[in-house]
């Protein structure tokens, strides 16, 4: 497991940082919710039930998540597919009253998931963290409102599933530049594919 954090700036400016976590399959007794350093961001370790047929995995137990203070509202279930390693999507968020809460997990391949805290009242405002997720892992990632979200695929044919608390609202949708120099995200691979919309994302600070 690799877990690194770096913080080079002062409060009120972007705070670059990287936490790379490697989570492998766990037994059913090891289902836990782990906070990742940004308020409300959590890693949900799943549970596998094995028998001669294979396994059944619990991705999310809503009662446990709510007890931990996580919002489990689901308005949409979305899947994305990425053909090439190095693909970048992000950094996406929606503003109020259409702010989104997301819970996501990888179903094929692997990726580096990146989160930027956009909440000015938080001590982690402007800080980014990164979490490596793989289809081999029994984990899901919970992303609260007020966080810009994106990822870079580490393998070809990487797919993931999202539970999203609010529908897509174009008038409230925002994109923070994936390569903003103030935020300073360290992507692991040279980018291979980025949409025109994501290339035109706005610079730091966040757009209300």
N, C-alpha and C. Protein backbone atom coordinates (compact mmCIF):
# COMPACT_ATOMS: atom_id res chain seq x y z
N UNK A 1 0.83 -1.19 0.00
CA UNK A 1 0.00 0.00 0.00
C UNK A 1 0.87 1.24 0.00
N UNK A 2 0.50 2.22 -0.82
CA UNK A 2 1.20 3.49 -0.86
C UNK A 2 0.23 4.57 -0.42
N UNK A 3 0.67 5.42 0.50
CA UNK A 3 -0.20 6.48 1.02
C UNK A 3 0.67 7.70 1.24
N UNK A 4 0.56 8.67 0.34
CA UNK A 4 1.43 9.85 0.41
C UNK A 4 0.58 11.11 0.41
N UNK A 5 1.03 12.10 1.16
CA UNK A 5 0.36 13.40 1.20
C UNK A 5 1.40 14.49 1.08
N UNK A 6 1.08 15.51 0.29
CA UNK A 6 1.97 16.65 0.20
C UNK A 6 1.15 17.92 0.27
N UNK A 7 1.60 18.90 1.02
CA UNK A 7 0.87 20.15 1.22
C UNK A 7 1.90 21.27 1.17
N UNK A 8 1.88 22.08 0.08
CA UNK A 8 2.94 23.06 -0.12
C UNK A 8 2.46 24.50 -0.01
N UNK A 9 1.18 24.73 0.21
CA UNK A 9 0.70 26.10 0.11
C UNK A 9 -0.03 26.54 1.36
N UNK A 10 -0.52 27.77 1.38
CA UNK A 10 -1.18 28.33 2.54
C UNK A 10 -2.69 28.24 2.39
N UNK A 11 -3.40 28.37 3.51
CA UNK A 11 -4.86 28.32 3.47
C UNK A 11 -5.37 29.42 2.55
N UNK A 12 -6.43 29.09 1.76
CA UNK A 12 -7.01 30.04 0.84
C UNK A 12 -6.50 29.85 -0.58
N UNK A 13 -5.44 29.08 -0.75
CA UNK A 13 -4.95 28.75 -2.08
C UNK A 13 -5.06 27.25 -2.26
N UNK A 14 -4.90 26.82 -3.50
CA UNK A 14 -4.97 25.37 -3.75
C UNK A 14 -3.87 24.67 -2.97
N UNK A 15 -4.20 23.50 -2.44
CA UNK A 15 -3.26 22.75 -1.62
C UNK A 15 -3.01 21.41 -2.29
N UNK A 16 -2.00 21.31 -3.12
CA UNK A 16 -1.74 20.03 -3.78
C UNK A 16 -1.44 18.95 -2.76
N UNK A 17 -1.90 17.79 -3.06
CA UNK A 17 -1.60 16.66 -2.19
C UNK A 17 -2.01 15.39 -2.87
N UNK A 18 -1.39 14.27 -2.52
CA UNK A 18 -1.73 13.03 -3.17
C UNK A 18 -1.76 11.92 -2.14
N UNK A 19 -2.87 11.22 -2.09
CA UNK A 19 -2.99 10.04 -1.26
C UNK A 19 -3.35 8.89 -2.19
N UNK A 20 -2.43 8.00 -2.43
CA UNK A 20 -2.68 6.86 -3.32
C UNK A 20 -2.84 5.63 -2.45
N UNK A 21 -4.00 5.02 -2.54
CA UNK A 21 -4.33 3.90 -1.67
C UNK A 21 -4.59 2.66 -2.51
N UNK A 22 -4.02 1.54 -2.12
CA UNK A 22 -4.19 0.29 -2.83
C UNK A 22 -5.03 -0.62 -1.96
N UNK A 23 -6.26 -0.90 -2.40
CA UNK A 23 -7.17 -1.70 -1.60
C UNK A 23 -7.49 -3.00 -2.33
N UNK A 24 -7.13 -4.13 -1.76
CA UNK A 24 -7.38 -5.43 -2.38
C UNK A 24 -8.62 -6.08 -1.77
N UNK A 25 -9.03 -7.17 -2.39
CA UNK A 25 -10.25 -7.86 -1.96
C UNK A 25 -10.16 -8.25 -0.49
N UNK A 26 -11.27 -8.09 0.20
CA UNK A 26 -11.33 -8.38 1.63
C UNK A 26 -12.41 -9.43 1.89
N UNK A 27 -12.28 -10.11 3.02
CA UNK A 27 -13.32 -11.05 3.42
C UNK A 27 -14.55 -10.30 3.90
N UNK A 28 -15.67 -10.99 3.98
CA UNK A 28 -16.91 -10.33 4.32
C UNK A 28 -16.88 -9.72 5.72
N UNK A 29 -16.09 -10.26 6.64
CA UNK A 29 -16.02 -9.71 7.98
C UNK A 29 -15.28 -8.38 8.02
N UNK A 30 -14.62 -8.00 6.94
CA UNK A 30 -13.76 -6.82 6.93
C UNK A 30 -14.43 -5.63 6.27
N UNK A 31 -15.75 -5.60 6.21
CA UNK A 31 -16.45 -4.48 5.60
C UNK A 31 -16.37 -3.26 6.50
N UNK A 32 -15.75 -2.20 6.00
CA UNK A 32 -15.57 -1.00 6.80
C UNK A 32 -15.75 0.22 5.91
N UNK A 33 -15.92 1.38 6.55
CA UNK A 33 -15.96 2.67 5.86
C UNK A 33 -14.78 3.47 6.37
N UNK A 34 -13.92 3.89 5.45
CA UNK A 34 -12.67 4.55 5.80
C UNK A 34 -12.66 5.98 5.29
N UNK A 35 -12.48 6.95 6.16
CA UNK A 35 -12.38 8.36 5.77
C UNK A 35 -11.02 8.61 5.10
N UNK A 36 -11.02 9.48 4.09
CA UNK A 36 -9.80 9.69 3.29
C UNK A 36 -9.20 11.08 3.43
N UNK A 37 -9.60 11.85 4.42
CA UNK A 37 -8.91 13.10 4.67
C UNK A 37 -9.62 14.36 4.21
N UNK A 38 -10.59 14.22 3.29
CA UNK A 38 -11.48 15.32 2.92
C UNK A 38 -12.84 15.00 3.52
N UNK A 39 -13.44 15.93 4.23
CA UNK A 39 -14.68 15.63 4.93
C UNK A 39 -15.73 15.05 3.99
N UNK A 40 -16.27 13.90 4.37
CA UNK A 40 -17.31 13.25 3.59
C UNK A 40 -16.81 12.31 2.51
N UNK A 41 -15.54 12.38 2.17
CA UNK A 41 -14.97 11.45 1.18
C UNK A 41 -14.60 10.16 1.91
N UNK A 42 -15.09 9.04 1.42
CA UNK A 42 -14.88 7.78 2.13
C UNK A 42 -14.70 6.63 1.16
N UNK A 43 -13.92 5.67 1.60
CA UNK A 43 -13.72 4.43 0.87
C UNK A 43 -14.57 3.36 1.54
N UNK A 44 -15.43 2.71 0.77
CA UNK A 44 -16.32 1.68 1.29
C UNK A 44 -15.76 0.32 0.90
N UNK A 45 -15.25 -0.39 1.88
CA UNK A 45 -14.75 -1.73 1.60
C UNK A 45 -15.91 -2.71 1.59
N UNK A 46 -16.05 -3.42 0.49
CA UNK A 46 -17.18 -4.30 0.31
C UNK A 46 -17.02 -5.63 1.01
N UNK A 47 -18.02 -6.47 0.84
CA UNK A 47 -18.03 -7.80 1.44
C UNK A 47 -18.28 -8.83 0.36
N UNK A 48 -17.52 -9.91 0.37
CA UNK A 48 -17.73 -11.01 -0.57
C UNK A 48 -18.25 -12.24 0.18
N UNK A 49 -19.25 -12.86 -0.40
CA UNK A 49 -19.78 -14.12 0.12
C UNK A 49 -19.45 -15.20 -0.91
N UNK A 50 -18.57 -16.12 -0.54
CA UNK A 50 -18.06 -17.12 -1.47
C UNK A 50 -18.80 -18.44 -1.31
N UNK A 51 -19.03 -19.11 -2.44
CA UNK A 51 -19.44 -20.51 -2.44
C UNK A 51 -18.92 -21.16 -3.70
N UNK A 52 -19.39 -22.37 -3.99
CA UNK A 52 -18.84 -23.12 -5.13
C UNK A 52 -19.14 -22.46 -6.48
N UNK A 53 -20.10 -21.55 -6.54
CA UNK A 53 -20.45 -20.87 -7.79
C UNK A 53 -19.55 -19.69 -8.09
N UNK A 54 -18.97 -19.11 -7.03
CA UNK A 54 -18.18 -17.90 -7.19
C UNK A 54 -18.39 -17.03 -5.96
N UNK A 55 -18.78 -15.77 -6.16
CA UNK A 55 -19.01 -14.90 -5.01
C UNK A 55 -20.13 -13.92 -5.29
N UNK A 56 -20.67 -13.38 -4.21
CA UNK A 56 -21.62 -12.27 -4.22
C UNK A 56 -20.97 -11.15 -3.42
N UNK A 57 -21.01 -9.94 -3.95
CA UNK A 57 -20.35 -8.81 -3.29
C UNK A 57 -21.37 -7.75 -2.91
N UNK A 58 -21.32 -7.29 -1.68
CA UNK A 58 -22.10 -6.14 -1.25
C UNK A 58 -21.28 -4.88 -1.48
N UNK A 59 -21.74 -4.04 -2.42
CA UNK A 59 -21.02 -2.80 -2.72
C UNK A 59 -21.36 -1.72 -1.72
N UNK A 60 -22.63 -1.58 -1.37
CA UNK A 60 -23.08 -0.51 -0.49
C UNK A 60 -24.20 -1.02 0.40
N UNK A 61 -24.07 -0.79 1.70
CA UNK A 61 -25.14 -1.05 2.66
C UNK A 61 -25.60 0.32 3.15
N UNK A 62 -26.78 0.76 2.70
CA UNK A 62 -27.18 2.15 2.93
C UNK A 62 -27.31 2.49 4.41
N UNK A 63 -27.79 1.56 5.23
CA UNK A 63 -27.93 1.85 6.65
C UNK A 63 -26.57 2.12 7.28
N UNK A 64 -25.57 1.33 6.93
CA UNK A 64 -24.22 1.56 7.45
C UNK A 64 -23.68 2.91 6.97
N UNK A 65 -23.90 3.22 5.69
CA UNK A 65 -23.40 4.48 5.15
C UNK A 65 -24.06 5.67 5.82
N UNK A 66 -25.37 5.61 6.01
CA UNK A 66 -26.07 6.72 6.67
C UNK A 66 -25.61 6.89 8.11
N UNK A 67 -25.36 5.78 8.79
CA UNK A 67 -24.86 5.85 10.17
C UNK A 67 -23.52 6.56 10.21
N UNK A 68 -22.75 6.43 9.14
CA UNK A 68 -21.43 7.08 9.04
C UNK A 68 -21.55 8.53 8.57
N UNK A 69 -22.79 8.98 8.33
CA UNK A 69 -23.01 10.36 7.91
C UNK A 69 -22.96 10.58 6.42
N UNK A 70 -23.04 9.51 5.63
CA UNK A 70 -22.96 9.63 4.17
C UNK A 70 -24.35 9.72 3.57
N UNK A 71 -24.48 10.52 2.53
CA UNK A 71 -25.75 10.69 1.82
C UNK A 71 -25.89 9.55 0.81
N UNK A 72 -26.95 8.76 0.94
CA UNK A 72 -27.15 7.61 0.06
C UNK A 72 -28.28 7.82 -0.95
N UNK A 73 -28.70 9.06 -1.15
CA UNK A 73 -29.73 9.36 -2.14
C UNK A 73 -29.27 8.95 -3.52
N UNK A 74 -30.15 8.30 -4.29
CA UNK A 74 -29.82 7.89 -5.65
C UNK A 74 -30.91 8.39 -6.59
N UNK A 75 -30.53 9.27 -7.53
CA UNK A 75 -31.44 9.73 -8.57
C UNK A 75 -31.12 9.10 -9.91
N UNK A 76 -29.84 8.75 -10.12
CA UNK A 76 -29.41 8.15 -11.38
C UNK A 76 -28.35 7.08 -11.11
N UNK A 77 -28.34 6.07 -11.96
CA UNK A 77 -27.26 5.08 -12.00
C UNK A 77 -26.62 5.20 -13.38
N UNK A 78 -25.32 5.49 -13.41
CA UNK A 78 -24.62 5.81 -14.65
C UNK A 78 -23.41 4.90 -14.80
N UNK A 79 -23.13 4.46 -16.01
CA UNK A 79 -21.91 3.71 -16.29
C UNK A 79 -21.10 4.48 -17.32
N UNK A 80 -19.78 4.39 -17.22
CA UNK A 80 -18.90 4.97 -18.24
C UNK A 80 -17.92 3.90 -18.70
N UNK A 81 -17.53 4.00 -19.97
CA UNK A 81 -16.59 3.06 -20.57
C UNK A 81 -15.48 3.86 -21.24
N UNK A 82 -14.25 3.42 -21.05
CA UNK A 82 -13.08 4.11 -21.58
C UNK A 82 -12.21 3.10 -22.33
N UNK A 83 -12.01 3.32 -23.62
CA UNK A 83 -11.32 2.34 -24.44
C UNK A 83 -9.81 2.31 -24.20
N UNK A 84 -9.22 3.47 -23.90
CA UNK A 84 -7.76 3.57 -23.88
C UNK A 84 -7.22 3.95 -22.51
N UNK A 85 -6.11 3.33 -22.13
CA UNK A 85 -5.37 3.77 -20.95
C UNK A 85 -4.89 5.20 -21.17
N UNK A 86 -4.85 5.99 -20.11
CA UNK A 86 -4.43 7.38 -20.21
C UNK A 86 -5.56 8.36 -20.43
N UNK A 87 -6.80 7.85 -20.62
CA UNK A 87 -7.96 8.73 -20.79
C UNK A 87 -8.22 9.51 -19.50
N UNK A 88 -8.47 10.81 -19.65
CA UNK A 88 -8.81 11.66 -18.50
C UNK A 88 -10.23 12.17 -18.66
N UNK A 89 -11.01 12.04 -17.60
CA UNK A 89 -12.33 12.68 -17.50
C UNK A 89 -12.32 13.57 -16.26
N UNK A 90 -12.76 14.82 -16.40
CA UNK A 90 -12.81 15.69 -15.24
C UNK A 90 -12.20 17.05 -15.53
N UNK A 91 -12.25 17.89 -14.52
CA UNK A 91 -12.70 17.63 -13.15
C UNK A 91 -14.12 18.19 -13.01
N UNK A 92 -15.10 17.34 -12.77
CA UNK A 92 -16.51 17.70 -12.87
C UNK A 92 -17.16 17.92 -11.50
N UNK A 93 -18.14 18.85 -11.47
CA UNK A 93 -18.99 19.03 -10.31
C UNK A 93 -20.23 19.82 -10.73
N UNK A 94 -21.24 19.80 -9.89
CA UNK A 94 -22.43 20.64 -10.08
C UNK A 94 -22.62 21.51 -8.85
N UNK A 95 -23.09 22.74 -9.08
CA UNK A 95 -23.31 23.67 -7.98
C UNK A 95 -24.77 23.59 -7.52
N UNK A 96 -25.04 24.12 -6.33
CA UNK A 96 -26.41 24.15 -5.79
C UNK A 96 -27.32 24.95 -6.72
N UNK A 97 -28.58 24.54 -6.82
CA UNK A 97 -29.26 23.52 -6.04
C UNK A 97 -29.18 22.11 -6.65
N UNK A 98 -28.27 21.89 -7.58
CA UNK A 98 -28.16 20.59 -8.24
C UNK A 98 -26.85 19.90 -7.90
N UNK A 99 -26.26 20.25 -6.75
CA UNK A 99 -24.99 19.62 -6.35
C UNK A 99 -25.17 18.11 -6.22
N UNK A 100 -24.14 17.38 -6.61
CA UNK A 100 -24.21 15.92 -6.68
C UNK A 100 -23.39 15.25 -5.58
N UNK A 101 -23.93 14.15 -5.08
CA UNK A 101 -23.19 13.19 -4.28
C UNK A 101 -23.03 11.93 -5.14
N UNK A 102 -21.84 11.36 -5.17
CA UNK A 102 -21.58 10.20 -6.01
C UNK A 102 -20.99 9.07 -5.19
N UNK A 103 -21.41 7.85 -5.50
CA UNK A 103 -20.72 6.65 -5.02
C UNK A 103 -20.38 5.84 -6.26
N UNK A 104 -19.12 5.47 -6.41
CA UNK A 104 -18.68 4.84 -7.66
C UNK A 104 -17.72 3.70 -7.39
N UNK A 105 -17.66 2.78 -8.35
CA UNK A 105 -16.72 1.66 -8.26
C UNK A 105 -16.36 1.20 -9.66
N UNK A 106 -15.20 0.59 -9.78
CA UNK A 106 -14.68 0.13 -11.07
C UNK A 106 -15.16 -1.31 -11.30
N UNK A 107 -15.69 -1.56 -12.48
CA UNK A 107 -16.15 -2.91 -12.83
C UNK A 107 -15.20 -3.63 -13.77
N UNK A 108 -14.39 -2.89 -14.53
CA UNK A 108 -13.37 -3.48 -15.39
C UNK A 108 -12.17 -2.55 -15.42
N UNK A 109 -10.97 -3.12 -15.39
CA UNK A 109 -9.76 -2.31 -15.50
C UNK A 109 -9.39 -1.61 -14.20
N UNK A 110 -8.72 -0.46 -14.34
CA UNK A 110 -8.28 0.29 -13.16
C UNK A 110 -8.08 1.75 -13.53
N UNK A 111 -8.06 2.61 -12.52
CA UNK A 111 -7.92 4.05 -12.75
C UNK A 111 -7.37 4.73 -11.52
N UNK A 112 -6.90 5.96 -11.72
CA UNK A 112 -6.56 6.84 -10.60
C UNK A 112 -7.67 7.86 -10.49
N UNK A 113 -8.40 7.82 -9.38
CA UNK A 113 -9.51 8.72 -9.13
C UNK A 113 -8.98 9.94 -8.37
N UNK A 114 -9.34 11.14 -8.83
CA UNK A 114 -8.81 12.37 -8.26
C UNK A 114 -9.95 13.25 -7.76
N UNK A 115 -9.78 13.84 -6.57
CA UNK A 115 -10.79 14.66 -5.94
C UNK A 115 -10.16 15.97 -5.49
N UNK A 116 -10.85 17.10 -5.77
CA UNK A 116 -10.39 18.42 -5.34
C UNK A 116 -11.47 19.04 -4.46
N UNK A 117 -11.09 19.48 -3.27
CA UNK A 117 -12.04 20.08 -2.34
C UNK A 117 -12.31 21.53 -2.75
N UNK A 118 -13.58 21.83 -3.07
CA UNK A 118 -13.99 23.16 -3.52
C UNK A 118 -14.71 23.95 -2.44
N UNK A 119 -14.75 23.45 -1.23
CA UNK A 119 -15.55 24.06 -0.17
C UNK A 119 -14.70 25.07 0.61
N UNK A 120 -14.95 26.37 0.42
CA UNK A 120 -14.07 27.39 1.00
C UNK A 120 -14.03 27.40 2.52
N UNK A 121 -15.04 26.85 3.18
CA UNK A 121 -15.06 26.84 4.64
C UNK A 121 -14.34 25.64 5.23
N UNK A 122 -13.85 24.75 4.37
CA UNK A 122 -13.12 23.58 4.87
C UNK A 122 -11.63 23.87 4.97
N UNK A 123 -10.94 23.32 5.96
CA UNK A 123 -9.48 23.51 6.05
C UNK A 123 -8.74 22.85 4.90
N UNK A 124 -9.40 21.94 4.20
CA UNK A 124 -8.79 21.26 3.05
C UNK A 124 -9.15 21.92 1.72
N UNK A 125 -9.71 23.12 1.77
CA UNK A 125 -10.08 23.85 0.55
C UNK A 125 -8.89 23.91 -0.42
N UNK A 126 -9.15 23.45 -1.66
CA UNK A 126 -8.11 23.48 -2.69
C UNK A 126 -7.18 22.29 -2.68
N UNK A 127 -7.28 21.44 -1.69
CA UNK A 127 -6.41 20.27 -1.64
C UNK A 127 -6.96 19.17 -2.54
N UNK A 128 -6.05 18.41 -3.17
CA UNK A 128 -6.50 17.26 -3.96
C UNK A 128 -5.91 15.99 -3.39
N UNK A 129 -6.68 14.92 -3.53
CA UNK A 129 -6.20 13.59 -3.19
C UNK A 129 -6.48 12.68 -4.37
N UNK A 130 -5.76 11.57 -4.44
CA UNK A 130 -5.94 10.60 -5.51
C UNK A 130 -6.00 9.20 -4.91
N UNK A 131 -6.91 8.38 -5.44
CA UNK A 131 -7.11 7.02 -4.95
C UNK A 131 -7.09 6.08 -6.14
N UNK A 132 -6.23 5.08 -6.08
CA UNK A 132 -6.20 4.08 -7.16
C UNK A 132 -7.28 3.04 -6.92
N UNK A 133 -8.15 2.85 -7.92
CA UNK A 133 -9.24 1.90 -7.84
C UNK A 133 -9.12 0.88 -8.95
N UNK A 134 -9.47 -0.35 -8.65
CA UNK A 134 -9.37 -1.44 -9.62
C UNK A 134 -10.57 -2.35 -9.50
N UNK A 135 -10.92 -3.01 -10.61
CA UNK A 135 -11.99 -3.99 -10.58
C UNK A 135 -11.63 -5.17 -9.68
N UNK A 136 -10.36 -5.35 -9.38
CA UNK A 136 -9.91 -6.44 -8.50
C UNK A 136 -10.15 -6.10 -7.03
N UNK A 137 -10.45 -4.84 -6.74
CA UNK A 137 -10.64 -4.40 -5.37
C UNK A 137 -12.11 -4.47 -4.97
N UNK A 138 -12.37 -4.78 -3.73
CA UNK A 138 -13.74 -4.78 -3.21
C UNK A 138 -14.04 -3.45 -2.55
N UNK A 139 -13.93 -2.37 -3.30
CA UNK A 139 -14.14 -1.06 -2.72
C UNK A 139 -15.00 -0.19 -3.62
N UNK A 140 -15.68 0.76 -3.01
CA UNK A 140 -16.37 1.84 -3.71
C UNK A 140 -15.93 3.15 -3.08
N UNK A 141 -16.03 4.23 -3.83
CA UNK A 141 -15.61 5.54 -3.37
C UNK A 141 -16.83 6.45 -3.24
N UNK A 142 -16.99 7.08 -2.08
CA UNK A 142 -18.09 8.01 -1.85
C UNK A 142 -17.56 9.43 -1.95
N UNK A 143 -18.21 10.24 -2.82
CA UNK A 143 -17.77 11.61 -3.09
C UNK A 143 -18.92 12.56 -2.74
N UNK A 144 -18.77 13.42 -1.72
CA UNK A 144 -19.85 14.32 -1.34
C UNK A 144 -19.96 15.52 -2.27
N UNK A 145 -21.00 16.30 -2.10
CA UNK A 145 -21.13 17.55 -2.82
C UNK A 145 -19.99 18.49 -2.44
N UNK A 146 -19.63 19.38 -3.37
CA UNK A 146 -18.56 20.32 -3.10
C UNK A 146 -17.18 19.81 -3.43
N UNK A 147 -17.12 18.70 -4.13
CA UNK A 147 -15.86 18.09 -4.53
C UNK A 147 -15.84 17.97 -6.05
N UNK A 148 -14.77 18.46 -6.69
CA UNK A 148 -14.59 18.21 -8.13
C UNK A 148 -14.00 16.82 -8.30
N UNK A 149 -14.56 16.08 -9.25
CA UNK A 149 -14.19 14.67 -9.42
C UNK A 149 -13.70 14.40 -10.84
N UNK A 150 -12.67 13.59 -10.94
CA UNK A 150 -12.18 13.15 -12.24
C UNK A 150 -11.32 11.92 -12.07
N UNK A 151 -10.86 11.37 -13.19
CA UNK A 151 -9.99 10.20 -13.11
C UNK A 151 -9.19 10.04 -14.39
N UNK A 152 -8.12 9.25 -14.29
CA UNK A 152 -7.36 8.81 -15.46
C UNK A 152 -7.29 7.29 -15.46
N UNK A 153 -7.62 6.70 -16.60
CA UNK A 153 -7.57 5.25 -16.69
C UNK A 153 -6.13 4.75 -16.75
N UNK A 154 -5.89 3.62 -16.09
CA UNK A 154 -4.57 3.00 -16.06
C UNK A 154 -4.49 1.79 -16.98
N UNK A 155 -5.64 1.35 -17.49
CA UNK A 155 -5.71 0.20 -18.40
C UNK A 155 -6.71 0.50 -19.51
N UNK A 156 -6.53 -0.18 -20.64
CA UNK A 156 -7.55 -0.14 -21.69
C UNK A 156 -8.84 -0.75 -21.15
N UNK A 157 -9.96 -0.35 -21.77
CA UNK A 157 -11.27 -0.94 -21.47
C UNK A 157 -11.61 -0.87 -19.98
N UNK A 158 -11.44 0.30 -19.41
CA UNK A 158 -11.80 0.52 -18.01
C UNK A 158 -13.22 1.06 -17.92
N UNK A 159 -14.02 0.45 -17.05
CA UNK A 159 -15.43 0.83 -16.89
C UNK A 159 -15.74 1.03 -15.42
N UNK A 160 -16.67 1.93 -15.16
CA UNK A 160 -17.11 2.13 -13.78
C UNK A 160 -18.58 2.46 -13.73
N UNK A 161 -19.14 2.30 -12.54
CA UNK A 161 -20.56 2.56 -12.28
C UNK A 161 -20.68 3.61 -11.19
N UNK A 162 -21.63 4.55 -11.39
CA UNK A 162 -21.89 5.61 -10.43
C UNK A 162 -23.32 5.50 -9.91
N UNK A 163 -23.50 5.76 -8.62
CA UNK A 163 -24.80 6.12 -8.05
C UNK A 163 -24.74 7.62 -7.80
N UNK A 164 -25.67 8.39 -8.36
CA UNK A 164 -25.61 9.85 -8.30
C UNK A 164 -26.90 10.37 -7.68
N UNK A 165 -26.77 11.35 -6.77
CA UNK A 165 -27.90 11.82 -5.99
C UNK A 165 -28.80 12.81 -6.72
N UNK A 166 -28.32 13.41 -7.81
CA UNK A 166 -29.09 14.41 -8.55
C UNK A 166 -28.90 14.20 -10.04
N UNK A 167 -29.92 14.54 -10.81
CA UNK A 167 -29.80 14.42 -12.25
C UNK A 167 -28.87 15.46 -12.83
N UNK A 168 -28.38 15.17 -14.05
CA UNK A 168 -27.49 16.11 -14.72
C UNK A 168 -28.26 17.40 -15.03
N UNK A 169 -27.63 18.53 -14.68
CA UNK A 169 -28.24 19.84 -14.92
C UNK A 169 -27.22 20.72 -15.64
N UNK A 170 -27.34 20.90 -16.95
CA UNK A 170 -26.33 21.67 -17.70
C UNK A 170 -26.08 23.06 -17.13
N UNK A 171 -27.12 23.73 -16.62
CA UNK A 171 -26.91 25.09 -16.12
C UNK A 171 -26.14 25.12 -14.81
N UNK A 172 -26.07 23.99 -14.11
CA UNK A 172 -25.34 23.93 -12.85
C UNK A 172 -24.03 23.15 -12.96
N UNK A 173 -23.79 22.55 -14.13
CA UNK A 173 -22.59 21.73 -14.31
C UNK A 173 -21.37 22.62 -14.53
N UNK A 174 -20.25 22.24 -13.91
CA UNK A 174 -19.00 22.97 -14.02
C UNK A 174 -17.85 21.99 -14.26
N UNK A 175 -16.78 22.50 -14.87
CA UNK A 175 -15.57 21.70 -15.09
C UNK A 175 -14.35 22.51 -14.70
N UNK A 176 -13.61 22.01 -13.73
CA UNK A 176 -12.33 22.60 -13.35
C UNK A 176 -11.25 22.01 -14.26
N UNK A 177 -10.33 22.84 -14.72
CA UNK A 177 -9.29 22.36 -15.63
C UNK A 177 -8.51 21.20 -15.01
N UNK A 178 -8.36 20.15 -15.80
CA UNK A 178 -7.65 18.97 -15.32
C UNK A 178 -6.17 19.24 -15.10
N UNK A 179 -5.63 20.27 -15.80
CA UNK A 179 -4.20 20.58 -15.70
C UNK A 179 -3.95 21.96 -15.10
N UNK A 180 -4.88 22.43 -14.27
CA UNK A 180 -4.72 23.76 -13.68
C UNK A 180 -3.41 23.81 -12.88
N UNK A 181 -2.54 24.80 -13.16
CA UNK A 181 -1.24 24.82 -12.49
C UNK A 181 -1.31 25.16 -11.01
N UNK A 182 -2.36 25.86 -10.58
CA UNK A 182 -2.49 26.19 -9.17
C UNK A 182 -2.86 24.96 -8.35
N UNK A 183 -3.79 24.17 -8.86
CA UNK A 183 -4.16 22.93 -8.19
C UNK A 183 -3.01 21.92 -8.28
N UNK A 184 -2.44 21.77 -9.46
CA UNK A 184 -1.24 20.96 -9.63
C UNK A 184 -1.42 19.46 -9.48
N UNK A 185 -2.49 18.91 -10.05
CA UNK A 185 -2.70 17.46 -10.00
C UNK A 185 -1.57 16.75 -10.74
N UNK A 186 -1.07 15.68 -10.16
CA UNK A 186 -0.01 14.88 -10.77
C UNK A 186 -0.63 13.62 -11.39
N UNK A 187 -0.92 13.68 -12.66
CA UNK A 187 -1.50 12.53 -13.35
C UNK A 187 -0.40 11.50 -13.63
N UNK A 188 -0.71 10.23 -13.51
CA UNK A 188 0.35 9.21 -13.61
C UNK A 188 0.83 8.92 -15.02
N UNK A 189 -0.01 9.18 -16.04
CA UNK A 189 0.33 8.84 -17.42
C UNK A 189 0.18 10.07 -18.31
N UNK A 190 0.89 10.11 -19.42
CA UNK A 190 0.59 11.15 -20.42
C UNK A 190 -0.86 11.00 -20.88
N UNK A 191 -1.62 12.10 -20.97
CA UNK A 191 -3.02 11.96 -21.40
C UNK A 191 -3.13 11.49 -22.83
N UNK A 192 -4.02 10.55 -23.08
CA UNK A 192 -4.24 10.02 -24.42
C UNK A 192 -5.54 10.51 -25.03
N UNK A 193 -6.58 10.65 -24.22
CA UNK A 193 -7.87 11.12 -24.71
C UNK A 193 -8.52 12.01 -23.66
N UNK A 194 -8.96 13.20 -24.09
CA UNK A 194 -9.69 14.15 -23.25
C UNK A 194 -10.74 14.80 -24.13
N UNK A 195 -11.94 14.95 -23.63
CA UNK A 195 -12.99 15.57 -24.44
C UNK A 195 -12.72 17.06 -24.63
N UNK A 196 -13.30 17.63 -25.68
CA UNK A 196 -13.16 19.06 -25.93
C UNK A 196 -13.71 19.86 -24.76
N UNK A 197 -14.81 19.41 -24.18
CA UNK A 197 -15.40 20.11 -23.03
C UNK A 197 -14.45 20.14 -21.85
N UNK A 198 -13.80 19.02 -21.57
CA UNK A 198 -12.88 18.98 -20.43
C UNK A 198 -11.62 19.80 -20.71
N UNK A 199 -11.20 19.88 -21.95
CA UNK A 199 -10.04 20.71 -22.30
C UNK A 199 -10.33 22.20 -22.06
N UNK A 200 -11.60 22.57 -22.09
CA UNK A 200 -12.01 23.96 -21.94
C UNK A 200 -12.49 24.27 -20.52
N UNK A 201 -12.13 23.43 -19.56
CA UNK A 201 -12.52 23.68 -18.18
C UNK A 201 -11.95 25.00 -17.66
N UNK A 202 -12.58 25.53 -16.62
CA UNK A 202 -12.18 26.83 -16.09
C UNK A 202 -11.01 26.67 -15.11
N UNK A 203 -10.21 27.70 -14.94
CA UNK A 203 -9.09 27.64 -14.00
C UNK A 203 -9.54 27.83 -12.57
N UNK A 204 -8.63 27.52 -11.64
CA UNK A 204 -8.85 27.82 -10.23
C UNK A 204 -8.91 29.33 -10.05
N UNK A 205 -9.82 29.87 -9.18
CA UNK A 205 -10.67 29.19 -8.21
C UNK A 205 -11.96 28.67 -8.81
N UNK A 206 -12.74 27.89 -8.06
CA UNK A 206 -13.96 27.30 -8.59
C UNK A 206 -14.95 28.36 -9.07
N UNK A 207 -15.74 27.99 -10.08
CA UNK A 207 -16.79 28.86 -10.61
C UNK A 207 -18.08 28.60 -9.85
N UNK A 208 -18.70 29.63 -9.26
CA UNK A 208 -19.94 29.40 -8.50
C UNK A 208 -21.11 29.07 -9.43
